[in-house]
Amino acid sequence: MRINVDESMKENKGFTLIEVMITVVIVGILASIAYPSYTQYVIKSARSEGVAAVMRVANLQEQYYLDNRTYTTDMTKLGLDKSPFITEHGHYSVTSDGTTTTTVTAKAIGIQASRDATACPTITLTSDGVKGPSEECWK
């Protein structure tokens, strides 16, 4: 009996099913750990748009107050497109109330409203500098 040396020395160039399944399990475990962190990052990054919009409108309100000795509820008087003011990516609707004191409120709309429904559905800032509803919303 003669053994062909070329066939017995031949290397396997592939993966076994077990190796592939182990890789799939490891990727699944990593994804299950990473996905919740990713969703929290997306929520906080969209929330920063609301915080920036509140700060912008509050700044415009203070400029308006210096000129007119009153605050306005009409966003167009502040130089914004419309009232209520919708942020650039459409995650927040920003309004302002009051004439002697004011509270600027950014309300989550669209997909952000469902993402951030329990923690920070609104972000507020008063003319006295009081931030609401919690410190977590301003991070």
N, C-alpha and C. Protein backbone atom coordinates (compact mmCIF):
# COMPACT_ATOMS: atom_id res chain seq x y z
N MET A 1 0.84 -1.16 0.00
CA MET A 1 0.00 0.00 0.00
C MET A 1 0.89 1.24 0.00
N ARG A 2 0.57 2.08 -0.89
CA ARG A 2 1.37 3.27 -1.07
C ARG A 2 0.56 4.51 -0.65
N ILE A 3 1.12 5.34 0.22
CA ILE A 3 0.45 6.55 0.68
C ILE A 3 1.00 7.73 -0.11
N ASN A 4 0.11 8.49 -0.62
CA ASN A 4 0.52 9.68 -1.37
C ASN A 4 0.92 10.76 -0.38
N VAL A 5 2.17 11.17 -0.42
CA VAL A 5 2.70 12.14 0.52
C VAL A 5 2.01 13.49 0.36
N ASP A 6 1.66 13.87 -0.83
CA ASP A 6 1.02 15.17 -1.07
C ASP A 6 -0.34 15.27 -0.37
N GLU A 7 -1.11 14.20 -0.36
CA GLU A 7 -2.43 14.23 0.27
C GLU A 7 -2.35 14.21 1.79
N SER A 8 -1.40 13.47 2.37
CA SER A 8 -1.30 13.39 3.82
C SER A 8 -0.70 14.65 4.42
N MET A 9 0.07 15.39 3.69
CA MET A 9 0.71 16.60 4.17
C MET A 9 -0.12 17.84 3.87
N LYS A 10 -1.18 17.66 3.21
CA LYS A 10 -2.02 18.77 2.80
C LYS A 10 -2.62 19.45 4.03
N GLU A 11 -2.54 20.81 4.10
CA GLU A 11 -3.09 21.56 5.24
C GLU A 11 -4.56 21.89 4.99
N ASN A 12 -5.32 21.86 6.06
CA ASN A 12 -6.70 22.32 5.96
C ASN A 12 -6.71 23.84 6.03
N LYS A 13 -7.43 24.47 5.13
CA LYS A 13 -7.48 25.93 5.10
C LYS A 13 -8.94 26.37 5.25
N GLY A 14 -9.46 26.26 6.44
CA GLY A 14 -10.83 26.64 6.69
C GLY A 14 -11.13 26.58 8.17
N PHE A 15 -12.37 26.93 8.51
CA PHE A 15 -12.80 26.92 9.89
C PHE A 15 -13.76 25.76 10.09
N THR A 16 -13.73 25.22 11.26
CA THR A 16 -14.72 24.20 11.59
C THR A 16 -15.99 24.90 12.06
N LEU A 17 -17.05 24.17 12.07
CA LEU A 17 -18.33 24.73 12.51
C LEU A 17 -18.25 25.18 13.97
N ILE A 18 -17.55 24.47 14.80
CA ILE A 18 -17.43 24.82 16.22
C ILE A 18 -16.69 26.14 16.38
N GLU A 19 -15.62 26.34 15.60
CA GLU A 19 -14.89 27.61 15.67
C GLU A 19 -15.78 28.78 15.26
N VAL A 20 -16.55 28.61 14.24
CA VAL A 20 -17.46 29.67 13.79
C VAL A 20 -18.53 29.95 14.85
N MET A 21 -19.09 28.91 15.45
CA MET A 21 -20.12 29.10 16.48
C MET A 21 -19.56 29.79 17.72
N ILE A 22 -18.33 29.46 18.11
CA ILE A 22 -17.70 30.13 19.26
C ILE A 22 -17.51 31.61 18.95
N THR A 23 -17.10 31.92 17.74
CA THR A 23 -16.93 33.32 17.34
C THR A 23 -18.27 34.05 17.37
N VAL A 24 -19.32 33.43 16.89
CA VAL A 24 -20.65 34.05 16.90
C VAL A 24 -21.11 34.30 18.34
N VAL A 25 -20.87 33.38 19.23
CA VAL A 25 -21.25 33.54 20.64
C VAL A 25 -20.48 34.71 21.27
N ILE A 26 -19.18 34.79 21.01
CA ILE A 26 -18.37 35.88 21.57
C ILE A 26 -18.85 37.23 21.04
N VAL A 27 -19.12 37.33 19.74
CA VAL A 27 -19.63 38.58 19.18
C VAL A 27 -20.98 38.92 19.78
N GLY A 28 -21.83 37.94 19.99
CA GLY A 28 -23.14 38.18 20.61
C GLY A 28 -23.02 38.70 22.02
N ILE A 29 -22.10 38.16 22.79
CA ILE A 29 -21.90 38.62 24.16
C ILE A 29 -21.39 40.07 24.16
N LEU A 30 -20.42 40.35 23.31
CA LEU A 30 -19.90 41.72 23.22
C LEU A 30 -20.99 42.71 22.78
N ALA A 31 -21.83 42.32 21.83
CA ALA A 31 -22.91 43.19 21.38
C ALA A 31 -23.94 43.42 22.48
N SER A 32 -24.24 42.39 23.26
CA SER A 32 -25.22 42.56 24.34
C SER A 32 -24.69 43.48 25.44
N ILE A 33 -23.39 43.57 25.59
CA ILE A 33 -22.80 44.48 26.56
C ILE A 33 -22.73 45.90 25.99
N ALA A 34 -22.38 46.01 24.72
CA ALA A 34 -22.15 47.32 24.10
C ALA A 34 -23.44 48.05 23.74
N TYR A 35 -24.49 47.36 23.36
CA TYR A 35 -25.70 48.02 22.87
C TYR A 35 -26.36 48.94 23.90
N PRO A 36 -26.54 48.54 25.15
CA PRO A 36 -27.12 49.48 26.12
C PRO A 36 -26.28 50.75 26.31
N SER A 37 -24.97 50.61 26.29
CA SER A 37 -24.10 51.78 26.40
C SER A 37 -24.27 52.69 25.19
N TYR A 38 -24.40 52.08 24.04
CA TYR A 38 -24.58 52.85 22.81
C TYR A 38 -25.90 53.62 22.84
N THR A 39 -26.98 52.98 23.27
CA THR A 39 -28.27 53.67 23.30
C THR A 39 -28.25 54.83 24.30
N GLN A 40 -27.58 54.66 25.44
CA GLN A 40 -27.45 55.76 26.39
C GLN A 40 -26.65 56.91 25.80
N TYR A 41 -25.63 56.59 25.04
CA TYR A 41 -24.84 57.62 24.37
C TYR A 41 -25.69 58.39 23.37
N VAL A 42 -26.52 57.70 22.60
CA VAL A 42 -27.38 58.35 21.62
C VAL A 42 -28.38 59.27 22.32
N ILE A 43 -28.96 58.82 23.42
CA ILE A 43 -29.91 59.64 24.17
C ILE A 43 -29.24 60.90 24.69
N LYS A 44 -28.06 60.75 25.29
CA LYS A 44 -27.36 61.91 25.85
C LYS A 44 -26.88 62.87 24.77
N SER A 45 -26.47 62.34 23.62
CA SER A 45 -26.02 63.24 22.56
C SER A 45 -27.18 64.04 21.99
N ALA A 46 -28.36 63.43 21.86
CA ALA A 46 -29.53 64.17 21.40
C ALA A 46 -29.98 65.16 22.48
N ARG A 47 -29.83 64.79 23.74
CA ARG A 47 -30.20 65.69 24.83
C ARG A 47 -29.34 66.94 24.84
N SER A 48 -28.09 66.80 24.43
CA SER A 48 -27.21 67.98 24.38
C SER A 48 -27.72 69.01 23.39
N GLU A 49 -28.43 68.57 22.37
CA GLU A 49 -29.06 69.51 21.44
C GLU A 49 -30.13 70.33 22.14
N GLY A 50 -30.90 69.69 23.01
CA GLY A 50 -31.92 70.40 23.77
C GLY A 50 -31.33 71.38 24.76
N VAL A 51 -30.24 70.98 25.42
CA VAL A 51 -29.57 71.87 26.37
C VAL A 51 -29.01 73.08 25.65
N ALA A 52 -28.38 72.86 24.50
CA ALA A 52 -27.82 73.98 23.72
C ALA A 52 -28.92 74.93 23.26
N ALA A 53 -30.05 74.38 22.86
CA ALA A 53 -31.16 75.23 22.41
C ALA A 53 -31.74 76.05 23.57
N VAL A 54 -31.86 75.44 24.74
CA VAL A 54 -32.36 76.17 25.91
C VAL A 54 -31.41 77.32 26.25
N MET A 55 -30.12 77.04 26.24
CA MET A 55 -29.14 78.07 26.56
C MET A 55 -29.17 79.20 25.52
N ARG A 56 -29.33 78.83 24.26
CA ARG A 56 -29.41 79.85 23.20
C ARG A 56 -30.62 80.75 23.37
N VAL A 57 -31.79 80.14 23.58
CA VAL A 57 -33.01 80.93 23.73
C VAL A 57 -32.95 81.76 25.00
N ALA A 58 -32.41 81.22 26.08
CA ALA A 58 -32.27 82.00 27.32
C ALA A 58 -31.37 83.21 27.10
N ASN A 59 -30.30 83.02 26.35
CA ASN A 59 -29.41 84.13 26.04
C ASN A 59 -30.13 85.19 25.20
N LEU A 60 -30.88 84.74 24.20
CA LEU A 60 -31.65 85.68 23.38
C LEU A 60 -32.71 86.40 24.20
N GLN A 61 -33.33 85.69 25.15
CA GLN A 61 -34.32 86.31 26.03
C GLN A 61 -33.68 87.41 26.87
N GLU A 62 -32.49 87.16 27.38
CA GLU A 62 -31.82 88.18 28.20
C GLU A 62 -31.45 89.39 27.35
N GLN A 63 -31.03 89.18 26.13
CA GLN A 63 -30.74 90.30 25.23
C GLN A 63 -32.02 91.09 24.94
N TYR A 64 -33.12 90.38 24.72
CA TYR A 64 -34.41 91.02 24.47
C TYR A 64 -34.86 91.81 25.70
N TYR A 65 -34.64 91.23 26.88
CA TYR A 65 -35.03 91.90 28.12
C TYR A 65 -34.25 93.20 28.32
N LEU A 66 -32.97 93.19 27.98
CA LEU A 66 -32.17 94.41 28.11
C LEU A 66 -32.68 95.52 27.20
N ASP A 67 -33.18 95.15 26.03
CA ASP A 67 -33.68 96.16 25.09
C ASP A 67 -35.10 96.61 25.40
N ASN A 68 -35.95 95.72 25.91
CA ASN A 68 -37.38 96.00 26.04
C ASN A 68 -37.91 95.99 27.48
N ARG A 69 -37.08 95.63 28.44
CA ARG A 69 -37.48 95.55 29.86
C ARG A 69 -38.62 94.57 30.09
N THR A 70 -38.73 93.58 29.22
CA THR A 70 -39.72 92.52 29.36
C THR A 70 -39.23 91.31 28.55
N TYR A 71 -39.70 90.14 28.92
CA TYR A 71 -39.40 88.94 28.14
C TYR A 71 -40.51 88.73 27.13
N THR A 72 -40.27 87.91 26.14
CA THR A 72 -41.29 87.64 25.12
C THR A 72 -41.60 86.14 25.06
N THR A 73 -42.81 85.84 24.63
CA THR A 73 -43.20 84.44 24.41
C THR A 73 -43.15 84.10 22.93
N ASP A 74 -42.94 85.10 22.08
CA ASP A 74 -42.89 84.92 20.64
C ASP A 74 -41.44 84.71 20.20
N MET A 75 -41.12 83.52 19.75
CA MET A 75 -39.75 83.19 19.37
C MET A 75 -39.27 84.00 18.16
N THR A 76 -40.20 84.43 17.31
CA THR A 76 -39.79 85.20 16.13
C THR A 76 -39.23 86.57 16.53
N LYS A 77 -39.66 87.10 17.66
CA LYS A 77 -39.11 88.37 18.14
C LYS A 77 -37.67 88.22 18.63
N LEU A 78 -37.26 86.98 18.86
CA LEU A 78 -35.89 86.70 19.27
C LEU A 78 -34.99 86.41 18.07
N GLY A 79 -35.58 86.46 16.88
CA GLY A 79 -34.81 86.19 15.66
C GLY A 79 -34.82 84.74 15.24
N LEU A 80 -35.67 83.93 15.85
CA LEU A 80 -35.78 82.52 15.48
C LEU A 80 -36.85 82.36 14.41
N ASP A 81 -36.81 81.24 13.71
CA ASP A 81 -37.70 81.03 12.56
C ASP A 81 -39.18 81.07 12.90
N LYS A 82 -39.56 80.33 13.93
CA LYS A 82 -40.98 80.23 14.27
C LYS A 82 -41.14 79.95 15.74
N SER A 83 -42.38 80.03 16.17
CA SER A 83 -42.71 79.75 17.55
C SER A 83 -43.69 78.59 17.58
N PRO A 84 -43.44 77.48 18.22
CA PRO A 84 -42.25 77.13 18.99
C PRO A 84 -41.07 76.85 18.07
N PHE A 85 -39.90 77.04 18.60
CA PHE A 85 -38.66 76.83 17.88
C PHE A 85 -38.31 75.34 17.90
N ILE A 86 -38.07 74.75 16.74
CA ILE A 86 -37.68 73.34 16.63
C ILE A 86 -36.18 73.29 16.41
N THR A 87 -35.49 72.45 17.17
CA THR A 87 -34.04 72.37 17.06
C THR A 87 -33.61 71.81 15.70
N GLU A 88 -32.33 71.93 15.40
CA GLU A 88 -31.80 71.59 14.09
C GLU A 88 -32.13 70.17 13.65
N HIS A 89 -31.97 69.20 14.52
CA HIS A 89 -32.22 67.81 14.16
C HIS A 89 -33.64 67.36 14.51
N GLY A 90 -34.47 68.27 14.99
CA GLY A 90 -35.86 67.98 15.27
C GLY A 90 -36.12 67.15 16.50
N HIS A 91 -35.20 67.16 17.46
CA HIS A 91 -35.39 66.37 18.67
C HIS A 91 -36.14 67.14 19.76
N TYR A 92 -36.15 68.48 19.70
CA TYR A 92 -36.76 69.28 20.75
C TYR A 92 -37.55 70.44 20.18
N SER A 93 -38.62 70.77 20.88
CA SER A 93 -39.43 71.95 20.61
C SER A 93 -39.21 72.91 21.79
N VAL A 94 -38.75 74.13 21.49
CA VAL A 94 -38.37 75.06 22.55
C VAL A 94 -39.38 76.20 22.62
N THR A 95 -39.90 76.44 23.83
CA THR A 95 -40.83 77.54 24.08
C THR A 95 -40.34 78.35 25.28
N SER A 96 -40.93 79.52 25.41
CA SER A 96 -40.60 80.38 26.54
C SER A 96 -41.89 81.03 27.02
N ASP A 97 -42.05 81.11 28.33
CA ASP A 97 -43.26 81.73 28.86
C ASP A 97 -42.89 82.83 29.85
N GLY A 98 -43.83 83.71 30.07
CA GLY A 98 -43.65 84.78 31.04
C GLY A 98 -43.13 86.06 30.43
N THR A 99 -43.44 87.18 31.11
CA THR A 99 -42.97 88.49 30.64
C THR A 99 -42.11 89.20 31.67
N THR A 100 -42.38 89.00 32.96
CA THR A 100 -41.54 89.62 33.99
C THR A 100 -40.42 88.67 34.42
N THR A 101 -40.71 87.40 34.42
CA THR A 101 -39.71 86.35 34.56
C THR A 101 -40.00 85.35 33.45
N THR A 102 -39.05 84.54 33.13
CA THR A 102 -39.28 83.60 32.03
C THR A 102 -38.73 82.22 32.36
N THR A 103 -39.34 81.23 31.77
CA THR A 103 -38.85 79.86 31.83
C THR A 103 -38.76 79.35 30.40
N VAL A 104 -37.57 78.97 30.01
CA VAL A 104 -37.36 78.40 28.68
C VAL A 104 -37.45 76.89 28.83
N THR A 105 -38.27 76.27 28.00
CA THR A 105 -38.52 74.84 28.10
C THR A 105 -38.27 74.17 26.76
N ALA A 106 -37.46 73.13 26.78
CA ALA A 106 -37.26 72.28 25.60
C ALA A 106 -37.96 70.96 25.87
N LYS A 107 -38.94 70.66 25.03
CA LYS A 107 -39.71 69.42 25.18
C LYS A 107 -39.27 68.44 24.10
N ALA A 108 -38.94 67.22 24.52
CA ALA A 108 -38.52 66.19 23.58
C ALA A 108 -39.67 65.85 22.65
N ILE A 109 -39.38 65.76 21.36
CA ILE A 109 -40.39 65.39 20.36
C ILE A 109 -39.84 64.29 19.48
N GLY A 110 -40.72 63.66 18.74
CA GLY A 110 -40.29 62.61 17.81
C GLY A 110 -39.70 61.42 18.53
N ILE A 111 -38.64 60.88 17.95
CA ILE A 111 -37.99 59.68 18.50
C ILE A 111 -37.36 59.97 19.85
N GLN A 112 -36.91 61.20 20.07
CA GLN A 112 -36.28 61.54 21.36
C GLN A 112 -37.32 61.48 22.48
N ALA A 113 -38.56 61.78 22.19
CA ALA A 113 -39.61 61.72 23.22
C ALA A 113 -39.79 60.29 23.73
N SER A 114 -39.68 59.31 22.84
CA SER A 114 -39.82 57.92 23.29
C SER A 114 -38.53 57.41 23.93
N ARG A 115 -37.38 57.89 23.48
CA ARG A 115 -36.11 57.46 24.07
C ARG A 115 -35.93 58.00 25.49
N ASP A 116 -36.29 59.27 25.68
CA ASP A 116 -35.98 59.98 26.93
C ASP A 116 -37.26 60.26 27.73
N ALA A 117 -38.25 59.40 27.61
CA ALA A 117 -39.56 59.66 28.22
C ALA A 117 -39.53 59.67 29.75
N THR A 118 -38.69 58.86 30.36
CA THR A 118 -38.71 58.79 31.81
C THR A 118 -37.71 59.71 32.48
N ALA A 119 -36.52 59.85 31.92
CA ALA A 119 -35.47 60.63 32.58
C ALA A 119 -35.63 62.13 32.39
N CYS A 120 -35.72 62.58 31.15
CA CYS A 120 -35.74 64.02 30.87
C CYS A 120 -36.67 64.34 29.70
N PRO A 121 -37.97 64.25 29.90
CA PRO A 121 -38.87 64.59 28.79
C PRO A 121 -38.84 66.09 28.47
N THR A 122 -38.48 66.91 29.47
CA THR A 122 -38.32 68.34 29.25
C THR A 122 -37.03 68.81 29.92
N ILE A 123 -36.49 69.90 29.40
CA ILE A 123 -35.33 70.55 29.98
C ILE A 123 -35.70 72.01 30.16
N THR A 124 -35.54 72.54 31.37
CA THR A 124 -35.97 73.92 31.62
C THR A 124 -34.85 74.76 32.22
N LEU A 125 -34.97 76.06 32.00
CA LEU A 125 -34.07 77.03 32.59
C LEU A 125 -34.87 78.30 32.85
N THR A 126 -34.84 78.78 34.08
CA THR A 126 -35.59 80.00 34.42
C THR A 126 -34.68 81.21 34.29
N SER A 127 -35.28 82.38 34.32
CA SER A 127 -34.51 83.62 34.24
C SER A 127 -33.67 83.83 35.49
N ASP A 128 -33.98 83.10 36.56
CA ASP A 128 -33.17 83.15 37.79
C ASP A 128 -32.01 82.17 37.74
N GLY A 129 -31.91 81.37 36.66
CA GLY A 129 -30.81 80.42 36.51
C GLY A 129 -31.07 79.05 37.07
N VAL A 130 -32.32 78.75 37.43
CA VAL A 130 -32.67 77.44 37.98
C VAL A 130 -32.83 76.45 36.83
N LYS A 131 -32.05 75.36 36.88
CA LYS A 131 -32.09 74.33 35.84
C LYS A 131 -32.99 73.20 36.29
N GLY A 132 -33.74 72.66 35.35
CA GLY A 132 -34.63 71.57 35.69
C GLY A 132 -34.67 70.53 34.60
N PRO A 133 -35.29 69.43 34.80
CA PRO A 133 -35.89 68.94 36.03
C PRO A 133 -34.87 68.32 36.99
N SER A 134 -33.69 67.91 36.47
CA SER A 134 -32.67 67.35 37.35
C SER A 134 -31.29 67.67 36.77
N GLU A 135 -30.28 67.51 37.60
CA GLU A 135 -28.91 67.76 37.16
C GLU A 135 -28.49 66.78 36.06
N GLU A 136 -29.03 65.57 36.09
CA GLU A 136 -28.71 64.57 35.09
C GLU A 136 -29.07 65.03 33.67
N CYS A 137 -30.12 65.81 33.54
CA CYS A 137 -30.55 66.29 32.25
C CYS A 137 -29.57 67.30 31.66
N TRP A 138 -28.76 67.90 32.47
CA TRP A 138 -27.84 68.94 32.01
C TRP A 138 -26.43 68.42 31.78
N LYS A 139 -26.22 67.14 31.92
CA LYS A 139 -24.88 66.56 31.70
C LYS A 139 -24.65 66.24 30.25
